[in-house]
Amino acid sequence: MSAEQTSVIDTLESEAAELAREADLSIFFADGQALAEAWQESTMTDRRMLLGCVLKSLTITPARRQGDHTPIMDRIVPEWVA
């Protein structure tokens, strides 16, 4: 792939990510039941898109020590968009 093609792809991916963040998902946040139903009916791709819209970043904190048995879900720190 040429440098120009790579640049165009990078630009389009950035624009798509920004558009996804700007999507109006307020209907889901106002109605927890609608969100739960949408989540259950969604594909893995849809779920990733939804998470990408509401998460700015996701950090997994390091283990406290070697052999630490802290569940991974207890080490996840989400940074929400709003």
Protein backbone atom coordinates (compact mmCIF):
# COMPACT_ATOMS: atom_id res chain seq x y z
CA MET A 1 0.00 0.00 0.00
CA SER A 2 1.33 3.44 -0.86
CA ALA A 3 1.90 6.18 1.69
CA GLU A 4 -0.92 8.19 0.12
CA GLN A 5 -3.38 5.29 0.45
CA THR A 6 -2.33 4.74 4.05
CA SER A 7 -2.85 8.43 4.77
CA VAL A 8 -6.34 8.38 3.23
CA ILE A 9 -7.29 5.29 5.24
CA ASP A 10 -6.00 6.86 8.46
CA THR A 11 -7.97 10.03 7.78
CA LEU A 12 -11.17 8.11 7.05
CA GLU A 13 -10.77 6.01 10.19
CA SER A 14 -10.30 9.16 12.28
CA GLU A 15 -13.38 10.76 10.75
CA ALA A 16 -15.44 7.60 11.31
CA ALA A 17 -14.35 7.46 14.95
CA GLU A 18 -15.34 11.10 15.45
CA LEU A 19 -18.71 10.58 13.80
CA ALA A 20 -19.34 7.55 16.00
CA ARG A 21 -18.58 9.60 19.11
CA GLU A 22 -21.00 12.30 17.96
CA ALA A 23 -23.86 9.83 17.35
CA ASP A 24 -26.95 10.56 19.41
CA LEU A 25 -27.33 7.58 21.70
CA SER A 26 -29.39 9.46 24.28
CA ILE A 27 -32.39 7.23 23.62
CA PHE A 28 -30.46 4.32 25.13
CA PHE A 29 -29.31 6.24 28.19
CA ALA A 30 -32.82 7.46 28.93
CA ASP A 31 -34.25 3.94 28.74
CA GLY A 32 -32.17 1.21 30.34
CA GLN A 33 -34.55 -1.45 29.03
CA ALA A 34 -34.03 -0.26 25.43
CA LEU A 35 -30.26 -0.38 25.95
CA ALA A 36 -30.43 -3.91 27.39
CA GLU A 37 -32.58 -5.10 24.48
CA ALA A 38 -30.33 -3.46 21.89
CA TRP A 39 -27.27 -5.03 23.52
CA GLN A 40 -28.84 -8.51 23.52
CA GLU A 41 -29.82 -8.25 19.86
CA SER A 42 -26.54 -6.73 18.66
CA THR A 43 -23.66 -8.49 16.97
CA MET A 44 -20.10 -8.34 18.29
CA THR A 45 -19.35 -5.65 15.69
CA ASP A 46 -22.34 -3.60 16.86
CA ARG A 47 -21.28 -3.97 20.50
CA ARG A 48 -17.77 -2.79 19.70
CA MET A 49 -19.22 0.22 17.87
CA LEU A 50 -21.49 1.07 20.81
CA LEU A 51 -18.61 0.80 23.27
CA GLY A 52 -16.45 2.91 20.97
CA CYS A 53 -19.11 5.62 21.08
CA VAL A 54 -19.21 5.86 24.86
CA LEU A 55 -15.63 5.03 25.89
CA LYS A 56 -12.76 7.46 25.54
CA SER A 57 -10.27 4.90 26.83
CA LEU A 58 -10.07 1.67 28.77
CA THR A 59 -7.14 1.03 31.08
CA ILE A 60 -6.23 -2.24 32.73
CA THR A 61 -4.19 -1.54 35.82
CA PRO A 62 -1.12 -3.71 36.35
CA ALA A 63 -1.13 -6.61 38.77
CA ARG A 64 0.01 -5.70 42.26
CA ARG A 65 2.56 -8.49 42.23
CA GLN A 66 3.46 -11.60 40.30
CA GLY A 67 0.76 -14.20 40.79
CA ASP A 68 -1.85 -11.59 41.75
CA HIS A 69 -5.29 -13.23 41.49
CA THR A 70 -7.29 -9.99 41.35
CA PRO A 71 -10.05 -10.53 38.77
CA ILE A 72 -9.39 -8.63 35.55
CA MET A 73 -12.81 -6.93 35.78
CA ASP A 74 -11.67 -5.33 39.06
CA ARG A 75 -8.61 -3.90 37.30
CA ILE A 76 -10.44 -2.25 34.39
CA VAL A 77 -10.75 1.54 34.58
CA PRO A 78 -13.05 3.02 31.91
CA GLU A 79 -12.89 6.68 30.89
CA TRP A 80 -16.31 7.61 29.58
CA VAL A 81 -16.83 10.17 26.81
CA ALA A 82 -19.22 12.30 28.84
